[in-house]
C-alpha atoms as a PDB file:
ATOM      1  CA  MET A   1      73.058 100.260 122.752  1.00  0.00           C
ATOM      2  CA  VAL A   2      75.173 100.310 125.936  1.00  0.00           C
ATOM      3  CA  LYS A   3      73.297 101.383 129.069  1.00  0.00           C
ATOM      4  CA  ARG A   4      74.664 104.660 130.476  1.00  0.00           C
ATOM      5  CA  VAL A   5      76.088 104.499 134.009  1.00  0.00           C
ATOM      6  CA  ASN A   6      75.529 106.993 136.825  1.00  0.00           C
ATOM      7  CA  ASN A   7      76.629 107.702 140.424  1.00  0.00           C
ATOM      8  CA  LEU A   8      80.331 107.225 139.742  1.00  0.00           C
ATOM      9  CA  LEU A   9      82.004 110.127 141.548  1.00  0.00           C
ATOM     10  CA  ALA A  10      81.519 108.584 145.001  1.00  0.00           C
ATOM     11  CA  GLN A  11      83.348 105.448 143.813  1.00  0.00           C
ATOM     12  CA  ILE A  12      86.159 107.496 142.270  1.00  0.00           C
ATOM     13  CA  THR A  13      86.681 109.579 145.415  1.00  0.00           C
ATOM     14  CA  ASP A  14      86.515 106.645 147.811  1.00  0.00           C
ATOM     15  CA  ARG A  15      89.665 106.831 149.947  1.00  0.00           C
ATOM     16  CA  GLN A  16      90.552 103.194 149.343  1.00  0.00           C
ATOM     17  CA  ASN A  17      90.326 103.751 145.570  1.00  0.00           C
ATOM     18  CA  ILE A  18      92.581 106.807 145.813  1.00  0.00           C
ATOM     19  CA  ARG A  19      95.152 104.830 147.838  1.00  0.00           C
ATOM     20  CA  LEU A  20      95.117 102.179 145.098  1.00  0.00           C
ATOM     21  CA  ALA A  21      95.536 104.929 142.483  1.00  0.00           C
ATOM     22  CA  TRP A  22      98.554 106.226 144.412  1.00  0.00           C
ATOM     23  CA  LEU A  23     100.221 102.801 144.317  1.00  0.00           C
ATOM     24  CA  LYS A  24      99.625 102.492 140.576  1.00  0.00           C
ATOM     25  CA  ALA A  25     100.875 106.025 139.873  1.00  0.00           C
ATOM     26  CA  ILE A  26     104.209 105.466 141.650  1.00  0.00           C
ATOM     27  CA  LYS A  27     104.899 101.968 140.307  1.00  0.00           C
ATOM     28  CA  GLY A  28     108.539 101.869 139.244  1.00  0.00           C
ATOM     29  CA  LYS A  29     109.049 105.467 140.429  1.00  0.00           C
ATOM     30  CA  ARG A  30     109.276 105.150 144.215  1.00  0.00           C
ATOM     31  CA  LYS A  31     112.628 106.953 144.369  1.00  0.00           C
ATOM     32  CA  ALA A  32     111.582 109.840 142.092  1.00  0.00           C
ATOM     33  CA  ALA A  33     111.846 113.306 143.634  1.00  0.00           C
ATOM     34  CA  ASP A  34     108.141 114.111 143.237  1.00  0.00           C
ATOM     35  CA  VAL A  35     107.158 110.815 144.898  1.00  0.00           C
ATOM     36  CA  LEU A  36     109.491 111.365 147.835  1.00  0.00           C
ATOM     37  CA  GLY A  37     108.223 114.941 148.203  1.00  0.00           C
ATOM     38  CA  PHE A  38     104.602 113.793 148.160  1.00  0.00           C
ATOM     39  CA  GLN A  39     105.356 111.241 150.873  1.00  0.00           C
ATOM     40  CA  ASN A  40     106.795 113.900 153.184  1.00  0.00           C
ATOM     41  CA  ASP A  41     103.213 114.937 153.995  1.00  0.00           C
ATOM     42  CA  PHE A  42     101.361 111.973 152.567  1.00  0.00           C
ATOM     43  CA  LEU A  43      98.026 112.206 154.429  1.00  0.00           C
ATOM     44  CA  THR A  44      97.603 115.895 153.635  1.00  0.00           C
ATOM     45  CA  ASN A  45      98.601 115.495 149.985  1.00  0.00           C
ATOM     46  CA  ILE A  46      96.424 112.461 149.328  1.00  0.00           C
ATOM     47  CA  GLU A  47      93.449 114.249 150.874  1.00  0.00           C
ATOM     48  CA  ARG A  48      94.080 117.226 148.595  1.00  0.00           C
ATOM     49  CA  VAL A  49      93.921 114.859 145.618  1.00  0.00           C
ATOM     50  CA  ARG A  50      90.583 113.577 146.854  1.00  0.00           C
ATOM     51  CA  GLU A  51      89.246 117.099 147.360  1.00  0.00           C
ATOM     52  CA  ARG A  52      90.262 118.083 143.826  1.00  0.00           C
ATOM     53  CA  LEU A  53      88.343 115.123 142.437  1.00  0.00           C
ATOM     54  CA  MET A  54      85.315 115.834 144.623  1.00  0.00           C
ATOM     55  CA  SER A  55      85.121 119.348 143.203  1.00  0.00           C
ATOM     56  CA  ALA A  56      84.464 117.636 139.825  1.00  0.00           C
ATOM     57  CA  ASP A  57      86.113 120.610 138.105  1.00  0.00           C
ATOM     58  CA  PRO A  58      89.780 120.749 139.140  1.00  0.00           C
ATOM     59  CA  VAL A  59      92.442 122.567 137.158  1.00  0.00           C
ATOM     60  CA  TRP A  60      94.161 120.125 134.793  1.00  0.00           C
ATOM     61  CA  GLY A  61      97.132 120.291 132.481  1.00  0.00           C
ATOM     62  CA  LYS A  62     100.389 120.966 134.339  1.00  0.00           C
ATOM     63  CA  TYR A  63     102.365 118.908 131.838  1.00  0.00           C
ATOM     64  CA  ARG A  64     106.108 118.316 131.620  1.00  0.00           C
ATOM     65  CA  SER A  65     107.077 117.785 127.980  1.00  0.00           C
ATOM     66  CA  PHE A  66     110.024 115.751 126.699  1.00  0.00           C
ATOM     67  CA  LEU A  67     111.017 113.762 123.611  1.00  0.00           C
ATOM     68  CA  VAL A  68     111.426 109.992 123.295  1.00  0.00           C
ATOM     69  CA  ARG A  69     112.286 107.823 120.298  1.00  0.00           C
ATOM     70  CA  ASP A  70     110.198 104.629 120.528  1.00  0.00           C
ATOM     71  CA  PRO A  71     110.993 103.926 117.702  1.00  0.00           C
ATOM     72  CA  LYS A  72     109.940 107.198 116.073  1.00  0.00           C
ATOM     73  CA  LEU A  73     110.316 110.566 117.783  1.00  0.00           C
ATOM     74  CA  ARG A  74     107.355 111.406 120.034  1.00  0.00           C
ATOM     75  CA  VAL A  75     106.507 114.292 122.337  1.00  0.00           C
ATOM     76  CA  ILE A  76     105.505 112.952 125.769  1.00  0.00           C
ATOM     77  CA  ASN A  77     103.452 115.200 128.048  1.00  0.00           C
ATOM     78  CA  ALA A  78     103.675 113.897 131.610  1.00  0.00           C
ATOM     79  CA  ALA A  79     101.170 115.185 134.161  1.00  0.00           C
ATOM     80  CA  ALA A  80     102.259 116.153 137.686  1.00  0.00           C
ATOM     81  CA  LEU A  81     102.053 113.372 140.288  1.00  0.00           C
ATOM     82  CA  PRO A  82      98.753 114.517 141.887  1.00  0.00           C
ATOM     83  CA  GLU A  83      97.096 114.495 138.466  1.00  0.00           C
ATOM     84  CA  ARG A  84      98.540 111.076 137.638  1.00  0.00           C
ATOM     85  CA  ILE A  85      96.950 109.776 140.843  1.00  0.00           C
ATOM     86  CA  MET A  86      93.660 111.372 139.789  1.00  0.00           C
ATOM     87  CA  HIS A  87      93.831 109.726 136.356  1.00  0.00           C
ATOM     88  CA  HIS A  88      94.352 106.319 137.967  1.00  0.00           C
ATOM     89  CA  ALA A  89      91.533 106.900 140.459  1.00  0.00           C
ATOM     90  CA  ILE A  90      89.164 107.701 137.589  1.00  0.00           C
ATOM     91  CA  MET A  91      90.179 104.769 135.405  1.00  0.00           C
ATOM     92  CA  ASN A  92      90.078 102.278 138.299  1.00  0.00           C
ATOM     93  CA  ILE A  93      86.321 102.810 138.218  1.00  0.00           C
ATOM     94  CA  LEU A  94      85.730 103.716 134.559  1.00  0.00           C
ATOM     95  CA  GLU A  95      87.846 101.072 132.810  1.00  0.00           C
ATOM     96  CA  PRO A  96      85.010  98.466 132.968  1.00  0.00           C
ATOM     97  CA  VAL A  97      82.624 101.051 131.505  1.00  0.00           C
ATOM     98  CA  PHE A  98      84.840 101.619 128.459  1.00  0.00           C
ATOM     99  CA  GLU A  99      85.455  97.883 128.179  1.00  0.00           C
ATOM    100  CA  ARG A 100      81.750  97.173 127.641  1.00  0.00           C
ATOM    101  CA  PHE A 101      81.807  98.863 124.225  1.00  0.00           C
ATOM    102  CA  GLN A 102      84.988  97.150 122.979  1.00  0.00           C
ATOM    103  CA  VAL A 103      84.893  94.352 120.424  1.00  0.00           C
ATOM    104  CA  PHE A 104      86.926  91.169 120.802  1.00  0.00           C
ATOM    105  CA  HIS A 105      89.227  92.165 117.931  1.00  0.00           C
ATOM    106  CA  SER A 106      90.533  95.326 119.688  1.00  0.00           C
ATOM    107  CA  TYR A 107      93.801  94.677 121.551  1.00  0.00           C
ATOM    108  CA  ALA A 108      95.175  97.936 123.013  1.00  0.00           C
ATOM    109  CA  CYS A 109      94.686  99.047 126.650  1.00  0.00           C
ATOM    110  CA  ARG A 110      92.745  95.935 127.614  1.00  0.00           C
ATOM    111  CA  LYS A 111      93.415  93.251 130.198  1.00  0.00           C
ATOM    112  CA  GLY A 112      94.382  89.925 128.671  1.00  0.00           C
ATOM    113  CA  LYS A 113      95.132  91.520 125.282  1.00  0.00           C
ATOM    114  CA  GLY A 114      98.247  93.455 124.209  1.00  0.00           C
ATOM    115  CA  THR A 115     100.731  93.511 121.337  1.00  0.00           C
ATOM    116  CA  HIS A 116     101.613  89.823 121.251  1.00  0.00           C
ATOM    117  CA  ALA A 117      97.991  88.705 121.389  1.00  0.00           C
ATOM    118  CA  ALA A 118      97.198  91.098 118.523  1.00  0.00           C
ATOM    119  CA  VAL A 119     100.063  89.741 116.397  1.00  0.00           C
ATOM    120  CA  MET A 120      99.043  86.135 117.111  1.00  0.00           C
ATOM    121  CA  HIS A 121      95.474  86.977 116.050  1.00  0.00           C
ATOM    122  CA  ALA A 122      96.886  88.541 112.868  1.00  0.00           C
ATOM    123  CA  PHE A 123      98.933  85.385 112.255  1.00  0.00           C
ATOM    124  CA  ARG A 124      95.801  83.218 112.451  1.00  0.00           C
ATOM    125  CA  GLN A 125      93.921  85.493 110.029  1.00  0.00           C
ATOM    126  CA  THR A 126      96.856  85.548 107.620  1.00  0.00           C
ATOM    127  CA  LYS A 127      96.700  81.750 107.384  1.00  0.00           C
ATOM    128  CA  LYS A 128      92.962  81.890 106.552  1.00  0.00           C
ATOM    129  CA  PHE A 129      92.639  84.649 103.922  1.00  0.00           C
ATOM    130  CA  GLY A 130      94.459  85.553 100.726  1.00  0.00           C
ATOM    131  CA  PHE A 131      94.561  89.369 100.891  1.00  0.00           C
ATOM    132  CA  TYR A 132      94.919  92.128 103.460  1.00  0.00           C
ATOM    133  CA  LEU A 133      94.264  95.845 103.884  1.00  0.00           C
ATOM    134  CA  LYS A 134      96.495  97.723 106.372  1.00  0.00           C
ATOM    135  CA  LEU A 135      95.292 101.082 107.736  1.00  0.00           C
ATOM    136  CA  ASP A 136      96.394 103.622 110.296  1.00  0.00           C
ATOM    137  CA  VAL A 137      95.443 107.188 111.136  1.00  0.00           C
ATOM    138  CA  ARG A 138      97.544 110.212 110.230  1.00  0.00           C
ATOM    139  CA  LYS A 139      98.847 111.883 113.437  1.00  0.00           C
ATOM    140  CA  TYR A 140      96.268 109.978 115.437  1.00  0.00           C
ATOM    141  CA  PHE A 141      96.572 111.379 118.971  1.00  0.00           C
ATOM    142  CA  ASP A 142      97.042 114.909 117.631  1.00  0.00           C
ATOM    143  CA  SER A 143      93.933 114.744 115.440  1.00  0.00           C
ATOM    144  CA  ILE A 144      91.302 113.388 117.862  1.00  0.00           C
ATOM    145  CA  ASP A 145      88.332 115.759 117.894  1.00  0.00           C
ATOM    146  CA  HIS A 146      87.410 116.813 121.456  1.00  0.00           C
ATOM    147  CA  ARG A 147      83.766 117.433 120.627  1.00  0.00           C
ATOM    148  CA  ILE A 148      83.289 114.024 119.035  1.00  0.00           C
ATOM    149  CA  LEU A 149      85.167 112.271 121.852  1.00  0.00           C
ATOM    150  CA  LEU A 150      83.043 113.929 124.546  1.00  0.00           C
ATOM    151  CA  ARG A 151      79.886 112.996 122.652  1.00  0.00           C
ATOM    152  CA  GLN A 152      81.060 109.379 122.502  1.00  0.00           C
ATOM    153  CA  ILE A 153      81.810 109.325 126.235  1.00  0.00           C
ATOM    154  CA  SER A 154      78.419 110.838 127.071  1.00  0.00           C
ATOM    155  CA  ARG A 155      76.811 107.803 125.418  1.00  0.00           C
ATOM    156  CA  LEU A 156      78.495 105.633 128.065  1.00  0.00           C
ATOM    157  CA  ILE A 157      78.284 107.840 131.150  1.00  0.00           C
ATOM    158  CA  LYS A 158      75.308 109.633 132.624  1.00  0.00           C
ATOM    159  CA  ASP A 159      77.025 111.082 135.720  1.00  0.00           C
ATOM    160  CA  GLU A 160      77.317 114.827 135.024  1.00  0.00           C
ATOM    161  CA  GLN A 161      80.114 115.303 137.570  1.00  0.00           C
ATOM    162  CA  VAL A 162      82.264 112.645 135.922  1.00  0.00           C
ATOM    163  CA  LEU A 163      81.514 114.095 132.488  1.00  0.00           C
ATOM    164  CA  LEU A 164      82.758 117.424 133.872  1.00  0.00           C
ATOM    165  CA  LEU A 165      85.974 115.707 134.997  1.00  0.00           C
ATOM    166  CA  PHE A 166      86.474 114.263 131.517  1.00  0.00           C
ATOM    167  CA  HIS A 167      85.745 117.600 129.887  1.00  0.00           C
ATOM    168  CA  GLY A 168      88.459 119.189 132.021  1.00  0.00           C
ATOM    169  CA  ILE A 169      91.022 116.512 131.186  1.00  0.00           C
ATOM    170  CA  ILE A 170      90.301 116.569 127.449  1.00  0.00           C
ATOM    171  CA  SER A 171      90.259 120.377 127.155  1.00  0.00           C
ATOM    172  CA  SER A 172      93.528 120.716 129.148  1.00  0.00           C
ATOM    173  CA  TYR A 173      95.557 119.967 126.023  1.00  0.00           C
ATOM    174  CA  SER A 174      95.261 120.901 122.382  1.00  0.00           C
ATOM    175  CA  THR A 175      97.330 120.606 119.206  1.00  0.00           C
ATOM    176  CA  GLY A 176      94.878 122.805 117.364  1.00  0.00           C
ATOM    177  CA  GLU A 177      91.399 124.131 117.870  1.00  0.00           C
ATOM    178  CA  GLY A 178      89.556 121.457 119.837  1.00  0.00           C
ATOM    179  CA  ARG A 179      91.879 118.622 118.837  1.00  0.00           C
ATOM    180  CA  GLY A 180      94.517 116.360 120.322  1.00  0.00           C
ATOM    181  CA  LEU A 181      95.277 114.187 123.348  1.00  0.00           C
ATOM    182  CA  PRO A 182      98.596 114.238 125.243  1.00  0.00           C
ATOM    183  CA  ILE A 183     100.671 111.084 124.848  1.00  0.00           C
ATOM    184  CA  GLY A 184     101.609 110.335 128.451  1.00  0.00           C
ATOM    185  CA  ASN A 185      98.236 110.583 130.183  1.00  0.00           C
ATOM    186  CA  LEU A 186      96.722 107.296 131.329  1.00  0.00           C
ATOM    187  CA  THR A 187      93.286 108.554 130.300  1.00  0.00           C
ATOM    188  CA  SER A 188      94.562 109.421 126.801  1.00  0.00           C
ATOM    189  CA  GLN A 189      95.204 105.736 126.105  1.00  0.00           C
ATOM    190  CA  TYR A 190      91.619 104.806 126.988  1.00  0.00           C
ATOM    191  CA  PHE A 191      90.125 107.815 125.194  1.00  0.00           C
ATOM    192  CA  ALA A 192      92.114 107.099 122.023  1.00  0.00           C
ATOM    193  CA  ASN A 193      91.214 103.420 122.064  1.00  0.00           C
ATOM    194  CA  HIS A 194      87.538 104.212 122.588  1.00  0.00           C
ATOM    195  CA  TYR A 195      87.522 106.841 119.830  1.00  0.00           C
ATOM    196  CA  LEU A 196      87.799 104.096 117.190  1.00  0.00           C
ATOM    197  CA  ALA A 197      85.486 101.604 118.909  1.00  0.00           C
ATOM    198  CA  GLY A 198      82.555 102.832 116.812  1.00  0.00           C
ATOM    199  CA  LEU A 199      84.637 102.155 113.709  1.00  0.00           C
ATOM    200  CA  ASP A 200      85.199  98.590 114.965  1.00  0.00           C
ATOM    201  CA  HIS A 201      81.454  98.047 115.229  1.00  0.00           C
ATOM    202  CA  TYR A 202      80.823  99.612 111.819  1.00  0.00           C
ATOM    203  CA  ILE A 203      83.386  97.411 110.072  1.00  0.00           C
ATOM    204  CA  LEU A 204      82.395  94.177 111.792  1.00  0.00           C
ATOM    205  CA  GLU A 205      78.627  94.679 111.749  1.00  0.00           C
ATOM    206  CA  LYS A 206      78.096  96.538 108.462  1.00  0.00           C
ATOM    207  CA  LEU A 207      80.995  95.704 106.130  1.00  0.00           C
ATOM    208  CA  ALA A 208      81.435  91.963 106.831  1.00  0.00           C
ATOM    209  CA  PRO A 209      85.223  91.596 106.562  1.00  0.00           C
ATOM    210  CA  GLY A 210      86.862  88.196 106.441  1.00  0.00           C
ATOM    211  CA  GLY A 211      89.210  88.918 109.334  1.00  0.00           C
ATOM    212  CA  TYR A 212      89.880  91.987 111.462  1.00  0.00           C
ATOM    213  CA  VAL A 213      92.264  93.285 114.129  1.00  0.00           C
ATOM    214  CA  ARG A 214      92.930  96.696 115.668  1.00  0.00           C
ATOM    215  CA  TYR A 215      95.680  97.809 118.034  1.00  0.00           C
ATOM    216  CA  MET A 216      94.984 101.486 118.807  1.00  0.00           C
ATOM    217  CA  ASP A 217      95.017 103.064 115.315  1.00  0.00           C
ATOM    218  CA  ASP A 218      96.808 100.173 113.586  1.00  0.00           C
ATOM    219  CA  ILE A 219      94.139  98.240 111.699  1.00  0.00           C
ATOM    220  CA  VAL A 220      94.304  95.204 109.429  1.00  0.00           C
ATOM    221  CA  ILE A 221      91.365  93.772 107.467  1.00  0.00           C
ATOM    222  CA  TRP A 222      91.541  90.436 105.630  1.00  0.00           C
ATOM    223  CA  HIS A 223      89.427  88.989 102.846  1.00  0.00           C
ATOM    224  CA  SER A 224      89.614  86.314 100.166  1.00  0.00           C
ATOM    225  CA  ASP A 225      88.372  88.822  97.552  1.00  0.00           C
ATOM    226  CA  PHE A 226      90.794  91.652  96.700  1.00  0.00           C
ATOM    227  CA  GLU A 227      88.047  93.747  95.061  1.00  0.00           C
ATOM    228  CA  LYS A 228      85.978  93.475  98.244  1.00  0.00           C
ATOM    229  CA  LEU A 229      88.882  95.005 100.177  1.00  0.00           C
ATOM    230  CA  LYS A 230      88.908  97.972  97.774  1.00  0.00           C
ATOM    231  CA  HIS A 231      85.233  98.625  98.539  1.00  0.00           C
ATOM    232  CA  LEU A 232      85.902  98.236 102.270  1.00  0.00           C
ATOM    233  CA  LEU A 233      88.669 100.834 102.054  1.00  0.00           C
ATOM    234  CA  GLU A 234      86.377 103.447 100.525  1.00  0.00           C
ATOM    235  CA  ALA A 235      83.682 102.793 103.133  1.00  0.00           C
ATOM    236  CA  VAL A 236      86.167 103.062 106.025  1.00  0.00           C
ATOM    237  CA  LYS A 237      87.668 106.285 104.638  1.00  0.00           C
ATOM    238  CA  ALA A 238      84.197 107.820 104.381  1.00  0.00           C
ATOM    239  CA  PHE A 239      83.300 106.786 107.949  1.00  0.00           C
ATOM    240  CA  CYS A 240      86.553 108.192 109.359  1.00  0.00           C
ATOM    241  CA  SER A 241      86.004 111.489 107.570  1.00  0.00           C
ATOM    242  CA  THR A 242      82.308 112.050 108.308  1.00  0.00           C
ATOM    243  CA  GLU A 243      81.915 110.389 111.727  1.00  0.00           C
ATOM    244  CA  LEU A 244      85.345 110.847 113.328  1.00  0.00           C
ATOM    245  CA  ASN A 245      86.890 113.827 111.515  1.00  0.00           C
ATOM    246  CA  ILE A 246      90.200 112.004 111.047  1.00  0.00           C
ATOM    247  CA  GLU A 247      92.322 111.178 108.004  1.00  0.00           C
ATOM    248  CA  LEU A 248      93.856 107.822 107.140  1.00  0.00           C
ATOM    249  CA  LYS A 249      97.410 107.452 105.883  1.00  0.00           C
ATOM    250  CA  GLN A 250      98.031 105.820 102.522  1.00  0.00           C
ATOM    251  CA  ALA A 251      96.559 102.328 102.747  1.00  0.00           C
ATOM    252  CA  VAL A 252      98.677  99.234 102.151  1.00  0.00           C
ATOM    253  CA  MET A 253      97.043  96.326 100.315  1.00  0.00           C
ATOM    254  CA  GLY A 254      98.417  93.070  99.046  1.00  0.00           C
ATOM    255  CA  ALA A 255      98.595  89.303  99.120  1.00  0.00           C
ATOM    256  CA  VAL A 256      99.299  87.774 102.522  1.00  0.00           C
ATOM    257  CA  SER A 257     102.012  85.649 100.899  1.00  0.00           C
ATOM    258  CA  GLU A 258     104.053  88.856 100.623  1.00  0.00           C
ATOM    259  CA  GLY A 259     103.709  89.440 104.370  1.00  0.00           C
ATOM    260  CA  VAL A 260     101.513  91.685 106.512  1.00  0.00           C
ATOM    261  CA  PRO A 261     103.461  94.434 108.367  1.00  0.00           C
ATOM    262  CA  PHE A 262     101.932  94.838 111.826  1.00  0.00           C
ATOM    263  CA  LEU A 263     103.264  96.265 115.110  1.00  0.00           C
ATOM    264  CA  GLY A 264     106.936  95.838 114.231  1.00  0.00           C
ATOM    265  CA  PHE A 265     106.529  92.323 112.823  1.00  0.00           C
ATOM    266  CA  MET A 266     106.110  90.853 109.359  1.00  0.00           C
ATOM    267  CA  VAL A 267     103.282  88.327 109.575  1.00  0.00           C
ATOM    268  CA  ARG A 268     103.243  85.591 106.927  1.00  0.00           C
ATOM    269  CA  PRO A 269     101.282  82.346 106.639  1.00  0.00           C
ATOM    270  CA  SER A 270     104.557  80.528 107.342  1.00  0.00           C
ATOM    271  CA  GLY A 271     105.386  82.437 110.534  1.00  0.00           C
ATOM    272  CA  ILE A 272     106.086  85.734 112.280  1.00  0.00           C
ATOM    273  CA  PHE A 273     109.303  87.627 111.515  1.00  0.00           C
ATOM    274  CA  LEU A 274     111.019  90.747 112.821  1.00  0.00           C
ATOM    275  CA  LEU A 275     110.986  93.837 110.636  1.00  0.00           C
ATOM    276  CA  GLY A 276     114.317  95.532 109.988  1.00  0.00           C
ATOM    277  CA  LYS A 277     113.300  98.532 112.104  1.00  0.00           C
ATOM    278  CA  SER A 278     112.595  96.242 115.054  1.00  0.00           C
ATOM    279  CA  LYS A 279     116.050  94.694 114.755  1.00  0.00           C
ATOM    280  CA  ARG A 280     117.663  98.139 114.639  1.00  0.00           C
ATOM    281  CA  ARG A 281     115.701  99.157 117.708  1.00  0.00           C
ATOM    282  CA  MET A 282     116.875  96.061 119.600  1.00  0.00           C
ATOM    283  CA  LYS A 283     120.502  96.770 118.635  1.00  0.00           C
ATOM    284  CA  LYS A 284     120.208 100.321 119.921  1.00  0.00           C
ATOM    285  CA  ARG A 285     118.732  99.151 123.226  1.00  0.00           C
ATOM    286  CA  ALA A 286     121.404  96.450 123.611  1.00  0.00           C
ATOM    287  CA  LYS A 287     124.099  99.074 123.025  1.00  0.00           C
ATOM    288  CA  ALA A 288     122.526 101.296 125.715  1.00  0.00           C
ATOM    289  CA  ILE A 289     122.681  98.409 128.204  1.00  0.00           C
ATOM    290  CA  ALA A 290     126.365  97.832 127.397  1.00  0.00           C
ATOM    291  CA  GLU A 291     127.154 101.538 127.856  1.00  0.00           C
ATOM    292  CA  ASP A 292     125.276 101.778 131.170  1.00  0.00           C
ATOM    293  CA  LEU A 293     127.001  98.619 132.431  1.00  0.00           C
ATOM    294  CA  ALA A 294     130.451  99.872 131.410  1.00  0.00           C
ATOM    295  CA  ALA A 295     129.790 103.228 133.093  1.00  0.00           C
ATOM    296  CA  GLY A 296     128.752 101.539 136.328  1.00  0.00           C
ATOM    297  CA  LEU A 297     125.218 102.918 136.156  1.00  0.00           C
ATOM    298  CA  ILE A 298     123.737  99.410 136.469  1.00  0.00           C
ATOM    299  CA  ASP A 299     125.008  96.082 137.782  1.00  0.00           C
ATOM    300  CA  ASP A 300     125.031  92.696 136.023  1.00  0.00           C
ATOM    301  CA  GLU A 301     121.682  91.682 137.478  1.00  0.00           C
ATOM    302  CA  ARG A 302     119.939  94.858 136.324  1.00  0.00           C
ATOM    303  CA  ALA A 303     121.553  94.548 132.884  1.00  0.00           C
ATOM    304  CA  ALA A 304     120.325  90.943 132.566  1.00  0.00           C
ATOM    305  CA  LEU A 305     116.795  92.006 133.489  1.00  0.00           C
ATOM    306  CA  ARG A 306     116.830  94.756 130.838  1.00  0.00           C
ATOM    307  CA  ALA A 307     118.131  92.325 128.233  1.00  0.00           C
ATOM    308  CA  THR A 308     115.410  89.840 129.144  1.00  0.00           C
ATOM    309  CA  SER A 309     112.808  92.571 128.730  1.00  0.00           C
ATOM    310  CA  ILE A 310     114.109  93.279 125.216  1.00  0.00           C
ATOM    311  CA  ASN A 311     113.948  89.594 124.323  1.00  0.00           C
ATOM    312  CA  ALA A 312     110.429  89.216 125.722  1.00  0.00           C
ATOM    313  CA  GLY A 313     109.128  91.754 123.239  1.00  0.00           C
ATOM    314  CA  VAL A 314     110.041  89.618 120.230  1.00  0.00           C
ATOM    315  CA  LEU A 315     109.787  85.999 121.400  1.00  0.00           C
ATOM    316  CA  ILE A 316     106.762  85.351 119.190  1.00  0.00           C
ATOM    317  CA  ALA A 317     108.903  85.970 116.093  1.00  0.00           C
ATOM    318  CA  ARG A 318     111.420  83.785 114.298  1.00  0.00           C
ATOM    319  CA  SER A 319     114.324  85.556 115.934  1.00  0.00           C
ATOM    320  CA  ARG A 320     116.397  83.079 117.961  1.00  0.00           C
ATOM    321  CA  ALA A 321     119.467  83.269 115.709  1.00  0.00           C
ATOM    322  CA  PHE A 322     119.275  87.071 115.530  1.00  0.00           C
ATOM    323  CA  ARG A 323     118.941  87.327 119.317  1.00  0.00           C
ATOM    324  CA  ALA A 324     121.923  85.014 119.846  1.00  0.00           C
ATOM    325  CA  ARG A 325     124.074  87.155 117.517  1.00  0.00           C
ATOM    326  CA  LEU A 326     122.830  90.355 119.129  1.00  0.00           C
ATOM    327  CA  TRP A 327     123.950  89.434 122.637  1.00  0.00           C
ATOM    328  CA  LYS A 328     127.170  87.821 121.426  1.00  0.00           C
ATOM    329  CA  GLU A 329     128.110  90.975 119.516  1.00  0.00           C
ATOM    330  CA  SER A 330     126.936  93.408 122.200  1.00  0.00           C
ATOM    331  CA  GLY A 331     130.425  93.499 123.692  1.00  0.00           C
ATOM    332  CA  HIS A 332     129.564  92.866 127.341  1.00  0.00           C
ATOM    333  CA  GLY A 333     129.122  89.102 127.392  1.00  0.00           C
ATOM    334  CA  LEU A 334     125.611  89.493 128.722  1.00  0.00           C
ATOM    335  CA  GLU A 335     123.109  86.653 128.519  1.00  0.00           C
ATOM    336  CA  PRO A 336     119.416  87.439 129.069  1.00  0.00           C
ATOM    337  CA  CYS A 337     117.686  85.460 131.805  1.00  0.00           C
ATOM    338  CA  ASP A 338     115.597  83.551 129.236  1.00  0.00           C
ATOM    339  CA  THR A 339     116.282  83.268 125.493  1.00  0.00           C
ATOM    340  CA  ARG A 340     113.633  80.671 124.694  1.00  0.00           C
ATOM    341  CA  ARG A 341     111.279  81.106 121.778  1.00  0.00           C
ATOM    342  CA  ALA A 342     107.572  81.501 122.575  1.00  0.00           C
ATOM    343  CA  GLY A 343     106.120  81.866 119.082  1.00  0.00           C
ATOM    344  CA  PRO A 344     104.377  79.487 116.682  1.00  0.00           C
ATOM    345  CA  GLU A 345     107.384  78.843 114.480  1.00  0.00           C
ATOM    346  CA  ALA A 346     110.901  77.479 114.457  1.00  0.00           C
ATOM    347  CA  SER A 347     113.969  79.580 115.183  1.00  0.00           C
ATOM    348  CA  SER A 348     115.826  81.309 112.409  1.00  0.00           C
END
């Protein structure tokens, strides 16, 4: 049982914390129109943000919606700048509170974790066990139950004013009656990650898997006994239905020798490989760089930085030959700043 924390609002509304939240909210967006407008009367605007938080019941939910394909089509709901600052101010203080309930095997929205660490953990498990069970949640962000989420948060936080803040944020958006979190809110990432933390504990403490990893709603369980995985699947489905009011997609089960699909990679005992969809995504992004460079929208230095960013996302995989072909065929003669391999296997 995690001890509930209290007296948090004073920390959230501390002026130094709100200044830090401002810096985080505008990172990479300093020339955006809303940032420049906010700066025109910075002291007044930042104090208004603080006053909204101090009220503990501000109006939330002025979202700007747009579509992105990353790689599948998603609706992003971006909050207005003052609300983004408020989200950062809250999570500056509350992130350690959520962290206390996380298990080691959870890799999303956590310092020192991330996609590559999750895939490397999956690689180690794939070398140890013979079979795997791959799970993810159907329409995860859209299906999160507000009532259950608020009950979970109240087990961590005692401060009624902060609980009121969270209630306002969560109820500001809905995909149905009392369901859904907006993709785009900083708090949504932490809420969604925490929503399945109880499932982590249930699986690890009650079901005794061989190996386990979770990145948001992407879950893989390993075991040496295939029949044991079948029993685990039924138990997890029941828990998700009765305790979380969510539905799993069709599970994928098989021998690790066939490869474990996880976060855009195919993880095998012999190494980590890129999935076809990841290669297609890289080609599309490389083409976009070439087009922006040809149109004069970016210079060579900016193009090289973007190419390096694309490479960095797949360096753990056996992808050196593919990456070399990609940049050679991209049509602009661009070489990323660093094409070295960082994964556990040889290039191919």
